[in-house]
Amino acid sequence: MKYTIPIFCFLLLLSCSKEEPNLPPGLFTIKIPIISNERALINWTEAIDPEGEIVTYSFFIDAIGHTTRVNDRLEGGSRTIMGLDPSTTYNGFIEASDENTGVRKVNFCFTTPLSGTLEGEFNDC
């Protein structure tokens, strides 16, 4: 009888579930189908969260050594960046975030032409 309480407590501790770690959203890809000397269209696939949480996206671009958040809490998979300079290389990334601070970051980069428009599947990173 004197071992009943310690054994019960031990079994109770074993039965307690540990909180599972929050996993980040799954991988996603970025493609840049149109680049002109002043704008670029950036598309990305949907990131699926393993816990089924809603995923939103934040969009960052590096211009002249400064990383700028262009948009935050995006839900769509496409954005046009305007006001770019001709013949300039741009680097950036998109962060996919779930509701519990899980984050997945994917980089992109492209170079604007001196003039005209390029069409294809660009992401020079």
PDB file of N, CA and C in Angstrom:
ATOM      1  N   MET A   1       0.811  -1.200   0.000  1.00  0.00           N
ATOM      2  CA  MET A   1       0.000   0.000   0.000  1.00  0.00           C
ATOM      3  C   MET A   1       0.854   1.263   0.000  1.00  0.00           C
ATOM      4  N   LYS A   2       2.023   1.193   0.697  1.00  0.00           N
ATOM      5  CA  LYS A   2       2.833   2.401   0.785  1.00  0.00           C
ATOM      6  C   LYS A   2       3.457   2.767  -0.566  1.00  0.00           C
ATOM      7  N   TYR A   3       3.475   1.856  -1.532  1.00  0.00           N
ATOM      8  CA  TYR A   3       4.027   2.157  -2.862  1.00  0.00           C
ATOM      9  C   TYR A   3       2.953   2.612  -3.850  1.00  0.00           C
ATOM     10  N   THR A   4       1.727   2.540  -3.451  1.00  0.00           N
ATOM     11  CA  THR A   4       0.629   2.868  -4.348  1.00  0.00           C
ATOM     12  C   THR A   4       0.663   4.328  -4.794  1.00  0.00           C
ATOM     13  N   ILE A   5       0.843   5.251  -3.877  1.00  0.00           N
ATOM     14  CA  ILE A   5       0.840   6.673  -4.220  1.00  0.00           C
ATOM     15  C   ILE A   5       2.036   7.037  -5.106  1.00  0.00           C
ATOM     16  N   PRO A   6       3.282   6.626  -4.788  1.00  0.00           N
ATOM     17  CA  PRO A   6       4.393   6.952  -5.689  1.00  0.00           C
ATOM     18  C   PRO A   6       4.232   6.337  -7.082  1.00  0.00           C
ATOM     19  N   ILE A   7       3.718   5.115  -7.155  1.00  0.00           N
ATOM     20  CA  ILE A   7       3.520   4.486  -8.456  1.00  0.00           C
ATOM     21  C   ILE A   7       2.441   5.232  -9.233  1.00  0.00           C
ATOM     22  N   PHE A   8       1.359   5.616  -8.543  1.00  0.00           N
ATOM     23  CA  PHE A   8       0.296   6.378  -9.194  1.00  0.00           C
ATOM     24  C   PHE A   8       0.843   7.701  -9.729  1.00  0.00           C
ATOM     25  N   CYS A   9       1.642   8.419  -8.945  1.00  0.00           N
ATOM     26  CA  CYS A   9       2.221   9.696  -9.372  1.00  0.00           C
ATOM     27  C   CYS A   9       3.142   9.502 -10.569  1.00  0.00           C
ATOM     28  N   PHE A  10       3.932   8.442 -10.553  1.00  0.00           N
ATOM     29  CA  PHE A  10       4.830   8.155 -11.658  1.00  0.00           C
ATOM     30  C   PHE A  10       4.032   7.888 -12.938  1.00  0.00           C
ATOM     31  N   LEU A  11       2.982   7.096 -12.843  1.00  0.00           N
ATOM     32  CA  LEU A  11       2.143   6.812 -14.008  1.00  0.00           C
ATOM     33  C   LEU A  11       1.425   8.060 -14.503  1.00  0.00           C
ATOM     34  N   LEU A  12       1.033   8.924 -13.594  1.00  0.00           N
ATOM     35  CA  LEU A  12       0.381  10.168 -13.968  1.00  0.00           C
ATOM     36  C   LEU A  12       1.344  11.069 -14.748  1.00  0.00           C
ATOM     37  N   LEU A  13       2.578  11.142 -14.311  1.00  0.00           N
ATOM     38  CA  LEU A  13       3.582  11.934 -15.022  1.00  0.00           C
ATOM     39  C   LEU A  13       3.848  11.376 -16.413  1.00  0.00           C
ATOM     40  N   LEU A  14       3.890  10.063 -16.544  1.00  0.00           N
ATOM     41  CA  LEU A  14       4.110   9.451 -17.849  1.00  0.00           C
ATOM     42  C   LEU A  14       2.964   9.710 -18.811  1.00  0.00           C
ATOM     43  N   SER A  15       1.765   9.807 -18.279  1.00  0.00           N
ATOM     44  CA  SER A  15       0.596   9.972 -19.144  1.00  0.00           C
ATOM     45  C   SER A  15       0.400  11.410 -19.607  1.00  0.00           C
ATOM     46  N   CYS A  16       1.066  12.363 -18.962  1.00  0.00           N
ATOM     47  CA  CYS A  16       0.943  13.764 -19.380  1.00  0.00           C
ATOM     48  C   CYS A  16       1.565  13.928 -20.756  1.00  0.00           C
ATOM     49  N   SER A  17       0.834  14.572 -21.644  1.00  0.00           N
ATOM     50  CA  SER A  17       1.374  14.762 -22.989  1.00  0.00           C
ATOM     51  C   SER A  17       2.280  15.987 -23.018  1.00  0.00           C
ATOM     52  N   LYS A  18       3.355  15.838 -23.745  1.00  0.00           N
ATOM     53  CA  LYS A  18       4.252  16.967 -23.936  1.00  0.00           C
ATOM     54  C   LYS A  18       3.732  17.795 -25.096  1.00  0.00           C
ATOM     55  N   GLU A  19       3.917  19.095 -25.009  1.00  0.00           N
ATOM     56  CA  GLU A  19       3.485  19.970 -26.096  1.00  0.00           C
ATOM     57  C   GLU A  19       4.408  19.763 -27.284  1.00  0.00           C
ATOM     58  N   GLU A  20       3.802  19.495 -28.425  1.00  0.00           N
ATOM     59  CA  GLU A  20       4.568  19.282 -29.644  1.00  0.00           C
ATOM     60  C   GLU A  20       5.150  20.615 -30.112  1.00  0.00           C
ATOM     61  N   PRO A  21       6.376  20.611 -30.648  1.00  0.00           N
ATOM     62  CA  PRO A  21       6.936  21.855 -31.172  1.00  0.00           C
ATOM     63  C   PRO A  21       6.169  22.301 -32.410  1.00  0.00           C
ATOM     64  N   ASN A  22       6.086  23.598 -32.596  1.00  0.00           N
ATOM     65  CA  ASN A  22       5.416  24.139 -33.770  1.00  0.00           C
ATOM     66  C   ASN A  22       6.358  24.027 -34.959  1.00  0.00           C
ATOM     67  N   LEU A  23       5.942  23.336 -35.989  1.00  0.00           N
ATOM     68  CA  LEU A  23       6.749  23.188 -37.194  1.00  0.00           C
ATOM     69  C   LEU A  23       6.461  24.345 -38.144  1.00  0.00           C
ATOM     70  N   PRO A  24       7.469  24.799 -38.887  1.00  0.00           N
ATOM     71  CA  PRO A  24       7.236  25.898 -39.830  1.00  0.00           C
ATOM     72  C   PRO A  24       6.410  25.418 -41.018  1.00  0.00           C
ATOM     73  N   PRO A  25       5.859  26.358 -41.777  1.00  0.00           N
ATOM     74  CA  PRO A  25       5.173  25.969 -43.014  1.00  0.00           C
ATOM     75  C   PRO A  25       6.126  25.214 -43.938  1.00  0.00           C
ATOM     76  N   GLY A  26       5.557  24.427 -44.838  1.00  0.00           N
ATOM     77  CA  GLY A  26       6.364  23.634 -45.762  1.00  0.00           C
ATOM     78  C   GLY A  26       7.070  24.487 -46.802  1.00  0.00           C
ATOM     79  N   LEU A  27       7.894  23.828 -47.597  1.00  0.00           N
ATOM     80  CA  LEU A  27       8.648  24.515 -48.647  1.00  0.00           C
ATOM     81  C   LEU A  27       7.708  25.095 -49.693  1.00  0.00           C
ATOM     82  N   PHE A  28       8.134  26.189 -50.291  1.00  0.00           N
ATOM     83  CA  PHE A  28       7.422  26.779 -51.410  1.00  0.00           C
ATOM     84  C   PHE A  28       8.449  27.318 -52.392  1.00  0.00           C
ATOM     85  N   THR A  29       8.040  27.538 -53.628  1.00  0.00           N
ATOM     86  CA  THR A  29       8.962  28.007 -54.660  1.00  0.00           C
ATOM     87  C   THR A  29       8.561  29.397 -55.140  1.00  0.00           C
ATOM     88  N   ILE A  30       9.564  30.110 -55.621  1.00  0.00           N
ATOM     89  CA  ILE A  30       9.351  31.462 -56.154  1.00  0.00           C
ATOM     90  C   ILE A  30       9.815  31.474 -57.605  1.00  0.00           C
ATOM     91  N   LYS A  31       8.990  32.007 -58.481  1.00  0.00           N
ATOM     92  CA  LYS A  31       9.328  32.199 -59.893  1.00  0.00           C
ATOM     93  C   LYS A  31       9.031  33.648 -60.258  1.00  0.00           C
ATOM     94  N   ILE A  32       9.835  34.168 -61.148  1.00  0.00           N
ATOM     95  CA  ILE A  32       9.668  35.546 -61.608  1.00  0.00           C
ATOM     96  C   ILE A  32       9.453  35.470 -63.124  1.00  0.00           C
ATOM     97  N   PRO A  33       8.183  35.446 -63.584  1.00  0.00           N
ATOM     98  CA  PRO A  33       7.915  35.220 -65.003  1.00  0.00           C
ATOM     99  C   PRO A  33       8.097  36.454 -65.894  1.00  0.00           C
ATOM    100  N   ILE A  34       8.015  37.645 -65.323  1.00  0.00           N
ATOM    101  CA  ILE A  34       8.137  38.872 -66.127  1.00  0.00           C
ATOM    102  C   ILE A  34       9.025  39.868 -65.389  1.00  0.00           C
ATOM    103  N   ILE A  35      10.063  40.343 -66.094  1.00  0.00           N
ATOM    104  CA  ILE A  35      10.952  41.372 -65.547  1.00  0.00           C
ATOM    105  C   ILE A  35      11.111  42.443 -66.622  1.00  0.00           C
ATOM    106  N   SER A  36      10.815  43.682 -66.264  1.00  0.00           N
ATOM    107  CA  SER A  36      11.088  44.790 -67.181  1.00  0.00           C
ATOM    108  C   SER A  36      12.121  45.695 -66.527  1.00  0.00           C
ATOM    109  N   ASN A  37      12.445  46.788 -67.199  1.00  0.00           N
ATOM    110  CA  ASN A  37      13.432  47.707 -66.646  1.00  0.00           C
ATOM    111  C   ASN A  37      12.902  48.504 -65.465  1.00  0.00           C
ATOM    112  N   GLU A  38      11.601  48.379 -65.162  1.00  0.00           N
ATOM    113  CA  GLU A  38      11.048  49.131 -64.030  1.00  0.00           C
ATOM    114  C   GLU A  38      10.113  48.344 -63.117  1.00  0.00           C
ATOM    115  N   ARG A  39       9.810  47.095 -63.472  1.00  0.00           N
ATOM    116  CA  ARG A  39       8.923  46.279 -62.615  1.00  0.00           C
ATOM    117  C   ARG A  39       9.203  44.794 -62.794  1.00  0.00           C
ATOM    118  N   ALA A  40       8.748  44.018 -61.804  1.00  0.00           N
ATOM    119  CA  ALA A  40       8.890  42.561 -61.880  1.00  0.00           C
ATOM    120  C   ALA A  40       7.660  41.914 -61.253  1.00  0.00           C
ATOM    121  N   LEU A  41       7.203  40.852 -61.876  1.00  0.00           N
ATOM    122  CA  LEU A  41       6.098  40.056 -61.347  1.00  0.00           C
ATOM    123  C   LEU A  41       6.704  38.862 -60.620  1.00  0.00           C
ATOM    124  N   ILE A  42       6.349  38.693 -59.341  1.00  0.00           N
ATOM    125  CA  ILE A  42       6.883  37.610 -58.515  1.00  0.00           C
ATOM    126  C   ILE A  42       5.726  36.688 -58.125  1.00  0.00           C
ATOM    127  N   ASN A  43       5.851  35.414 -58.456  1.00  0.00           N
ATOM    128  CA  ASN A  43       4.846  34.401 -58.102  1.00  0.00           C
ATOM    129  C   ASN A  43       5.456  33.409 -57.133  1.00  0.00           C
ATOM    130  N   TRP A  44       4.645  32.909 -56.210  1.00  0.00           N
ATOM    131  CA  TRP A  44       5.113  31.847 -55.323  1.00  0.00           C
ATOM    132  C   TRP A  44       4.007  30.837 -55.102  1.00  0.00           C
ATOM    133  N   THR A  45       4.442  29.585 -54.867  1.00  0.00           N
ATOM    134  CA  THR A  45       3.483  28.515 -54.606  1.00  0.00           C
ATOM    135  C   THR A  45       3.049  28.571 -53.147  1.00  0.00           C
ATOM    136  N   GLU A  46       1.978  27.914 -52.845  1.00  0.00           N
ATOM    137  CA  GLU A  46       1.448  27.905 -51.480  1.00  0.00           C
ATOM    138  C   GLU A  46       2.312  27.038 -50.567  1.00  0.00           C
ATOM    139  N   ALA A  47       2.589  27.561 -49.378  1.00  0.00           N
ATOM    140  CA  ALA A  47       3.276  26.784 -48.342  1.00  0.00           C
ATOM    141  C   ALA A  47       2.209  26.130 -47.469  1.00  0.00           C
ATOM    142  N   ILE A  48       2.280  24.824 -47.314  1.00  0.00           N
ATOM    143  CA  ILE A  48       1.307  24.091 -46.500  1.00  0.00           C
ATOM    144  C   ILE A  48       1.882  23.942 -45.089  1.00  0.00           C
ATOM    145  N   ASP A  49       1.089  24.308 -44.090  1.00  0.00           N
ATOM    146  CA  ASP A  49       1.534  24.176 -42.710  1.00  0.00           C
ATOM    147  C   ASP A  49       1.213  22.765 -42.216  1.00  0.00           C
ATOM    148  N   PRO A  50       2.194  22.079 -41.599  1.00  0.00           N
ATOM    149  CA  PRO A  50       1.958  20.699 -41.151  1.00  0.00           C
ATOM    150  C   PRO A  50       0.875  20.559 -40.086  1.00  0.00           C
ATOM    151  N   GLU A  51       0.649  21.622 -39.301  1.00  0.00           N
ATOM    152  CA  GLU A  51      -0.413  21.567 -38.286  1.00  0.00           C
ATOM    153  C   GLU A  51      -1.750  22.097 -38.818  1.00  0.00           C
ATOM    154  N   GLY A  52      -1.786  22.480 -40.102  1.00  0.00           N
ATOM    155  CA  GLY A  52      -3.019  22.965 -40.704  1.00  0.00           C
ATOM    156  C   GLY A  52      -3.348  24.405 -40.368  1.00  0.00           C
ATOM    157  N   GLU A  53      -2.373  25.162 -39.877  1.00  0.00           N
ATOM    158  CA  GLU A  53      -2.616  26.565 -39.527  1.00  0.00           C
ATOM    159  C   GLU A  53      -2.631  27.434 -40.789  1.00  0.00           C
ATOM    160  N   ILE A  54      -3.255  28.599 -40.688  1.00  0.00           N
ATOM    161  CA  ILE A  54      -3.294  29.550 -41.790  1.00  0.00           C
ATOM    162  C   ILE A  54      -1.891  30.110 -41.993  1.00  0.00           C
ATOM    163  N   VAL A  55      -1.470  30.190 -43.248  1.00  0.00           N
ATOM    164  CA  VAL A  55      -0.146  30.715 -43.590  1.00  0.00           C
ATOM    165  C   VAL A  55      -0.314  32.069 -44.264  1.00  0.00           C
ATOM    166  N   THR A  56       0.445  33.055 -43.804  1.00  0.00           N
ATOM    167  CA  THR A  56       0.496  34.360 -44.453  1.00  0.00           C
ATOM    168  C   THR A  56       1.939  34.628 -44.862  1.00  0.00           C
ATOM    169  N   TYR A  57       2.128  35.603 -45.738  1.00  0.00           N
ATOM    170  CA  TYR A  57       3.438  35.835 -46.332  1.00  0.00           C
ATOM    171  C   TYR A  57       3.861  37.292 -46.134  1.00  0.00           C
ATOM    172  N   SER A  58       5.143  37.483 -45.853  1.00  0.00           N
ATOM    173  CA  SER A  58       5.750  38.814 -45.805  1.00  0.00           C
ATOM    174  C   SER A  58       6.800  38.864 -46.902  1.00  0.00           C
ATOM    175  N   PHE A  59       6.862  39.980 -47.566  1.00  0.00           N
ATOM    176  CA  PHE A  59       7.662  40.136 -48.780  1.00  0.00           C
ATOM    177  C   PHE A  59       8.745  41.179 -48.524  1.00  0.00           C
ATOM    178  N   PHE A  60      10.011  40.810 -48.731  1.00  0.00           N
ATOM    179  CA  PHE A  60      11.143  41.707 -48.481  1.00  0.00           C
ATOM    180  C   PHE A  60      11.994  41.823 -49.743  1.00  0.00           C
ATOM    181  N   ILE A  61      12.523  43.031 -49.998  1.00  0.00           N
ATOM    182  CA  ILE A  61      13.432  43.217 -51.126  1.00  0.00           C
ATOM    183  C   ILE A  61      14.598  44.089 -50.683  1.00  0.00           C
ATOM    184  N   ASP A  62      15.779  43.741 -51.173  1.00  0.00           N
ATOM    185  CA  ASP A  62      17.002  44.456 -50.828  1.00  0.00           C
ATOM    186  C   ASP A  62      17.365  45.357 -51.996  1.00  0.00           C
ATOM    187  N   ALA A  63      17.381  46.642 -51.750  1.00  0.00           N
ATOM    188  CA  ALA A  63      17.762  47.608 -52.771  1.00  0.00           C
ATOM    189  C   ALA A  63      18.848  48.508 -52.195  1.00  0.00           C
ATOM    190  N   ILE A  64      19.989  48.489 -52.812  1.00  0.00           N
ATOM    191  CA  ILE A  64      21.134  49.302 -52.401  1.00  0.00           C
ATOM    192  C   ILE A  64      21.505  49.036 -50.948  1.00  0.00           C
ATOM    193  N   GLY A  65      21.559  47.767 -50.574  1.00  0.00           N
ATOM    194  CA  GLY A  65      22.025  47.397 -49.250  1.00  0.00           C
ATOM    195  C   GLY A  65      21.019  47.526 -48.126  1.00  0.00           C
ATOM    196  N   HIS A  66      19.787  47.897 -48.412  1.00  0.00           N
ATOM    197  CA  HIS A  66      18.753  48.034 -47.377  1.00  0.00           C
ATOM    198  C   HIS A  66      17.638  47.031 -47.652  1.00  0.00           C
ATOM    199  N   THR A  67      17.362  46.183 -46.686  1.00  0.00           N
ATOM    200  CA  THR A  67      16.248  45.249 -46.839  1.00  0.00           C
ATOM    201  C   THR A  67      14.975  45.936 -46.379  1.00  0.00           C
ATOM    202  N   THR A  68      14.001  45.977 -47.261  1.00  0.00           N
ATOM    203  CA  THR A  68      12.745  46.671 -46.993  1.00  0.00           C
ATOM    204  C   THR A  68      11.593  45.685 -47.044  1.00  0.00           C
ATOM    205  N   ARG A  69      10.726  45.753 -46.036  1.00  0.00           N
ATOM    206  CA  ARG A  69       9.492  44.959 -46.058  1.00  0.00           C
ATOM    207  C   ARG A  69       8.529  45.666 -46.991  1.00  0.00           C
ATOM    208  N   VAL A  70       8.211  44.994 -48.096  1.00  0.00           N
ATOM    209  CA  VAL A  70       7.331  45.591 -49.096  1.00  0.00           C
ATOM    210  C   VAL A  70       5.875  45.402 -48.703  1.00  0.00           C
ATOM    211  N   ASN A  71       5.533  44.193 -48.331  1.00  0.00           N
ATOM    212  CA  ASN A  71       4.162  43.867 -47.930  1.00  0.00           C
ATOM    213  C   ASN A  71       4.212  42.889 -46.768  1.00  0.00           C
ATOM    214  N   ASP A  72       3.167  42.903 -45.969  1.00  0.00           N
ATOM    215  CA  ASP A  72       3.096  42.030 -44.802  1.00  0.00           C
ATOM    216  C   ASP A  72       1.726  41.384 -44.740  1.00  0.00           C
ATOM    217  N   ARG A  73       1.680  40.156 -44.253  1.00  0.00           N
ATOM    218  CA  ARG A  73       0.437  39.403 -44.052  1.00  0.00           C
ATOM    219  C   ARG A  73      -0.312  39.180 -45.369  1.00  0.00           C
ATOM    220  N   LEU A  74       0.429  38.904 -46.414  1.00  0.00           N
ATOM    221  CA  LEU A  74      -0.167  38.625 -47.712  1.00  0.00           C
ATOM    222  C   LEU A  74      -0.796  37.247 -47.713  1.00  0.00           C
ATOM    223  N   GLU A  75      -1.829  37.081 -48.496  1.00  0.00           N
ATOM    224  CA  GLU A  75      -2.450  35.769 -48.623  1.00  0.00           C
ATOM    225  C   GLU A  75      -2.354  35.222 -50.037  1.00  0.00           C
ATOM    226  N   GLY A  76      -2.188  36.082 -51.025  1.00  0.00           N
ATOM    227  CA  GLY A  76      -2.107  35.622 -52.410  1.00  0.00           C
ATOM    228  C   GLY A  76      -0.727  35.136 -52.760  1.00  0.00           C
ATOM    229  N   GLY A  77      -0.572  34.590 -53.954  1.00  0.00           N
ATOM    230  CA  GLY A  77       0.711  34.059 -54.378  1.00  0.00           C
ATOM    231  C   GLY A  77       1.352  34.837 -55.499  1.00  0.00           C
ATOM    232  N   SER A  78       1.054  36.155 -55.596  1.00  0.00           N
ATOM    233  CA  SER A  78       1.608  36.938 -56.686  1.00  0.00           C
ATOM    234  C   SER A  78       1.656  38.416 -56.307  1.00  0.00           C
ATOM    235  N   ARG A  79       2.772  39.065 -56.622  1.00  0.00           N
ATOM    236  CA  ARG A  79       2.907  40.506 -56.394  1.00  0.00           C
ATOM    237  C   ARG A  79       3.746  41.124 -57.496  1.00  0.00           C
ATOM    238  N   THR A  80       3.413  42.337 -57.889  1.00  0.00           N
ATOM    239  CA  THR A  80       4.220  43.099 -58.833  1.00  0.00           C
ATOM    240  C   THR A  80       4.970  44.170 -58.056  1.00  0.00           C
ATOM    241  N   ILE A  81       6.286  44.204 -58.261  1.00  0.00           N
ATOM    242  CA  ILE A  81       7.115  45.236 -57.645  1.00  0.00           C
ATOM    243  C   ILE A  81       7.354  46.293 -58.708  1.00  0.00           C
ATOM    244  N   MET A  82       7.067  47.540 -58.381  1.00  0.00           N
ATOM    245  CA  MET A  82       7.218  48.630 -59.339  1.00  0.00           C
ATOM    246  C   MET A  82       8.267  49.616 -58.840  1.00  0.00           C
ATOM    247  N   GLY A  83       8.701  50.509 -59.725  1.00  0.00           N
ATOM    248  CA  GLY A  83       9.670  51.532 -59.352  1.00  0.00           C
ATOM    249  C   GLY A  83      11.100  51.018 -59.306  1.00  0.00           C
ATOM    250  N   LEU A  84      11.396  49.954 -60.070  1.00  0.00           N
ATOM    251  CA  LEU A  84      12.746  49.396 -60.089  1.00  0.00           C
ATOM    252  C   LEU A  84      13.635  50.192 -61.048  1.00  0.00           C
ATOM    253  N   ASP A  85      14.933  50.083 -60.854  1.00  0.00           N
ATOM    254  CA  ASP A  85      15.902  50.751 -61.723  1.00  0.00           C
ATOM    255  C   ASP A  85      16.378  49.789 -62.800  1.00  0.00           C
ATOM    256  N   PRO A  86      16.634  50.302 -64.018  1.00  0.00           N
ATOM    257  CA  PRO A  86      17.147  49.450 -65.093  1.00  0.00           C
ATOM    258  C   PRO A  86      18.529  48.895 -64.764  1.00  0.00           C
ATOM    259  N   SER A  87      18.814  47.720 -65.306  1.00  0.00           N
ATOM    260  CA  SER A  87      20.129  47.078 -65.203  1.00  0.00           C
ATOM    261  C   SER A  87      20.632  47.000 -63.762  1.00  0.00           C
ATOM    262  N   THR A  88      19.741  46.564 -62.859  1.00  0.00           N
ATOM    263  CA  THR A  88      20.057  46.481 -61.433  1.00  0.00           C
ATOM    264  C   THR A  88      19.689  45.087 -60.921  1.00  0.00           C
ATOM    265  N   THR A  89      20.553  44.517 -60.080  1.00  0.00           N
ATOM    266  CA  THR A  89      20.268  43.229 -59.463  1.00  0.00           C
ATOM    267  C   THR A  89      19.559  43.450 -58.128  1.00  0.00           C
ATOM    268  N   TYR A  90      18.463  42.746 -57.949  1.00  0.00           N
ATOM    269  CA  TYR A  90      17.673  42.825 -56.720  1.00  0.00           C
ATOM    270  C   TYR A  90      17.662  41.461 -56.051  1.00  0.00           C
ATOM    271  N   ASN A  91      17.822  41.461 -54.737  1.00  0.00           N
ATOM    272  CA  ASN A  91      17.722  40.263 -53.908  1.00  0.00           C
ATOM    273  C   ASN A  91      16.565  40.463 -52.938  1.00  0.00           C
ATOM    274  N   GLY A  92      15.919  39.388 -52.601  1.00  0.00           N
ATOM    275  CA  GLY A  92      14.833  39.490 -51.633  1.00  0.00           C
ATOM    276  C   GLY A  92      14.469  38.128 -51.094  1.00  0.00           C
ATOM    277  N   PHE A  93      13.452  38.120 -50.274  1.00  0.00           N
ATOM    278  CA  PHE A  93      12.951  36.853 -49.755  1.00  0.00           C
ATOM    279  C   PHE A  93      11.497  37.018 -49.362  1.00  0.00           C
ATOM    280  N   ILE A  94      10.825  35.893 -49.298  1.00  0.00           N
ATOM    281  CA  ILE A  94       9.442  35.832 -48.825  1.00  0.00           C
ATOM    282  C   ILE A  94       9.445  34.925 -47.603  1.00  0.00           C
ATOM    283  N   GLU A  95       8.798  35.383 -46.540  1.00  0.00           N
ATOM    284  CA  GLU A  95       8.635  34.582 -45.336  1.00  0.00           C
ATOM    285  C   GLU A  95       7.201  34.082 -45.261  1.00  0.00           C
ATOM    286  N   ALA A  96       7.051  32.781 -45.130  1.00  0.00           N
ATOM    287  CA  ALA A  96       5.748  32.173 -44.883  1.00  0.00           C
ATOM    288  C   ALA A  96       5.650  31.938 -43.380  1.00  0.00           C
ATOM    289  N   SER A  97       4.624  32.494 -42.750  1.00  0.00           N
ATOM    290  CA  SER A  97       4.467  32.398 -41.293  1.00  0.00           C
ATOM    291  C   SER A  97       3.140  31.737 -40.960  1.00  0.00           C
ATOM    292  N   ASP A  98       3.171  30.863 -39.941  1.00  0.00           N
ATOM    293  CA  ASP A  98       1.919  30.279 -39.474  1.00  0.00           C
ATOM    294  C   ASP A  98       1.429  31.053 -38.243  1.00  0.00           C
ATOM    295  N   GLU A  99       0.331  30.617 -37.671  1.00  0.00           N
ATOM    296  CA  GLU A  99      -0.297  31.345 -36.565  1.00  0.00           C
ATOM    297  C   GLU A  99       0.472  31.243 -35.254  1.00  0.00           C
ATOM    298  N   ASN A 100       1.435  30.315 -35.166  1.00  0.00           N
ATOM    299  CA  ASN A 100       2.196  30.118 -33.930  1.00  0.00           C
ATOM    300  C   ASN A 100       3.678  30.414 -34.118  1.00  0.00           C
ATOM    301  N   THR A 101       4.007  31.398 -34.891  1.00  0.00           N
ATOM    302  CA  THR A 101       5.363  31.915 -35.127  1.00  0.00           C
ATOM    303  C   THR A 101       6.299  30.951 -35.846  1.00  0.00           C
ATOM    304  N   GLY A 102       5.789  29.924 -36.485  1.00  0.00           N
ATOM    305  CA  GLY A 102       6.627  29.103 -37.349  1.00  0.00           C
ATOM    306  C   GLY A 102       6.885  29.873 -38.639  1.00  0.00           C
ATOM    307  N   VAL A 103       8.140  29.934 -39.085  1.00  0.00           N
ATOM    308  CA  VAL A 103       8.493  30.737 -40.257  1.00  0.00           C
ATOM    309  C   VAL A 103       9.365  29.928 -41.216  1.00  0.00           C
ATOM    310  N   ARG A 104       9.083  30.034 -42.514  1.00  0.00           N
ATOM    311  CA  ARG A 104       9.913  29.457 -43.575  1.00  0.00           C
ATOM    312  C   ARG A 104      10.297  30.609 -44.504  1.00  0.00           C
ATOM    313  N   LYS A 105      11.586  30.758 -44.799  1.00  0.00           N
ATOM    314  CA  LYS A 105      12.092  31.848 -45.633  1.00  0.00           C
ATOM    315  C   LYS A 105      12.661  31.274 -46.930  1.00  0.00           C
ATOM    316  N   VAL A 106      12.263  31.867 -48.078  1.00  0.00           N
ATOM    317  CA  VAL A 106      12.776  31.460 -49.382  1.00  0.00           C
ATOM    318  C   VAL A 106      13.296  32.714 -50.096  1.00  0.00           C
ATOM    319  N   ASN A 107      14.517  32.612 -50.613  1.00  0.00           N
ATOM    320  CA  ASN A 107      15.161  33.749 -51.290  1.00  0.00           C
ATOM    321  C   ASN A 107      14.803  33.814 -52.767  1.00  0.00           C
ATOM    322  N   PHE A 108      14.919  35.024 -53.332  1.00  0.00           N
ATOM    323  CA  PHE A 108      14.819  35.214 -54.773  1.00  0.00           C
ATOM    324  C   PHE A 108      15.781  36.311 -55.176  1.00  0.00           C
ATOM    325  N   CYS A 109      16.136  36.336 -56.450  1.00  0.00           N
ATOM    326  CA  CYS A 109      16.931  37.433 -56.985  1.00  0.00           C
ATOM    327  C   CYS A 109      16.714  37.506 -58.489  1.00  0.00           C
ATOM    328  N   PHE A 110      16.898  38.698 -59.022  1.00  0.00           N
ATOM    329  CA  PHE A 110      16.737  38.908 -60.460  1.00  0.00           C
ATOM    330  C   PHE A 110      17.473  40.193 -60.839  1.00  0.00           C
ATOM    331  N   THR A 111      17.718  40.343 -62.114  1.00  0.00           N
ATOM    332  CA  THR A 111      18.350  41.552 -62.640  1.00  0.00           C
ATOM    333  C   THR A 111      17.425  42.158 -63.677  1.00  0.00           C
ATOM    334  N   THR A 112      17.131  43.428 -63.528  1.00  0.00           N
ATOM    335  CA  THR A 112      16.291  44.118 -64.495  1.00  0.00           C
ATOM    336  C   THR A 112      17.108  44.389 -65.761  1.00  0.00           C
ATOM    337  N   PRO A 113      16.463  44.331 -66.941  1.00  0.00           N
ATOM    338  CA  PRO A 113      17.185  44.641 -68.173  1.00  0.00           C
ATOM    339  C   PRO A 113      17.380  46.155 -68.319  1.00  0.00           C
ATOM    340  N   LEU A 114      18.281  46.527 -69.190  1.00  0.00           N
ATOM    341  CA  LEU A 114      18.512  47.942 -69.457  1.00  0.00           C
ATOM    342  C   LEU A 114      17.271  48.573 -70.081  1.00  0.00           C
ATOM    343  N   SER A 115      16.597  47.815 -70.942  1.00  0.00           N
ATOM    344  CA  SER A 115      15.338  48.274 -71.532  1.00  0.00           C
ATOM    345  C   SER A 115      14.524  47.047 -71.921  1.00  0.00           C
ATOM    346  N   GLY A 116      13.252  47.264 -72.161  1.00  0.00           N
ATOM    347  CA  GLY A 116      12.398  46.173 -72.609  1.00  0.00           C
ATOM    348  C   GLY A 116      11.917  45.276 -71.479  1.00  0.00           C
ATOM    349  N   THR A 117      11.393  44.109 -71.880  1.00  0.00           N
ATOM    350  CA  THR A 117      10.801  43.161 -70.937  1.00  0.00           C
ATOM    351  C   THR A 117      11.321  41.754 -71.225  1.00  0.00           C
ATOM    352  N   LEU A 118      11.634  41.021 -70.164  1.00  0.00           N
ATOM    353  CA  LEU A 118      12.036  39.620 -70.264  1.00  0.00           C
ATOM    354  C   LEU A 118      10.891  38.755 -69.764  1.00  0.00           C
ATOM    355  N   GLU A 119      10.613  37.658 -70.468  1.00  0.00           N
ATOM    356  CA  GLU A 119       9.588  36.714 -70.026  1.00  0.00           C
ATOM    357  C   GLU A 119      10.195  35.325 -69.958  1.00  0.00           C
ATOM    358  N   GLY A 120       9.841  34.582 -68.907  1.00  0.00           N
ATOM    359  CA  GLY A 120      10.365  33.237 -68.712  1.00  0.00           C
ATOM    360  C   GLY A 120      10.107  32.778 -67.295  1.00  0.00           C
ATOM    361  N   GLU A 121      10.989  31.970 -66.751  1.00  0.00           N
ATOM    362  CA  GLU A 121      10.890  31.483 -65.383  1.00  0.00           C
ATOM    363  C   GLU A 121      12.187  31.855 -64.659  1.00  0.00           C
ATOM    364  N   PHE A 122      12.301  33.064 -64.201  1.00  0.00           N
ATOM    365  CA  PHE A 122      13.535  33.561 -63.613  1.00  0.00           C
ATOM    366  C   PHE A 122      13.523  33.448 -62.097  1.00  0.00           C
ATOM    367  N   ASN A 123      14.659  33.164 -61.545  1.00  0.00           N
ATOM    368  CA  ASN A 123      15.000  33.277 -60.126  1.00  0.00           C
ATOM    369  C   ASN A 123      16.470  32.901 -60.062  1.00  0.00           C
ATOM    370  N   ASP A 124      17.326  33.878 -60.193  1.00  0.00           N
ATOM    371  CA  ASP A 124      18.757  33.662 -60.401  1.00  0.00           C
ATOM    372  C   ASP A 124      19.537  33.279 -59.160  1.00  0.00           C
ATOM    373  N   CYS A 125      18.888  33.036 -58.050  1.00  0.00           N
ATOM    374  CA  CYS A 125      19.614  32.695 -56.816  1.00  0.00           C
ATOM    375  C   CYS A 125      20.198  31.304 -56.881  1.00  0.00           C
TER     376      CYS A 125
END
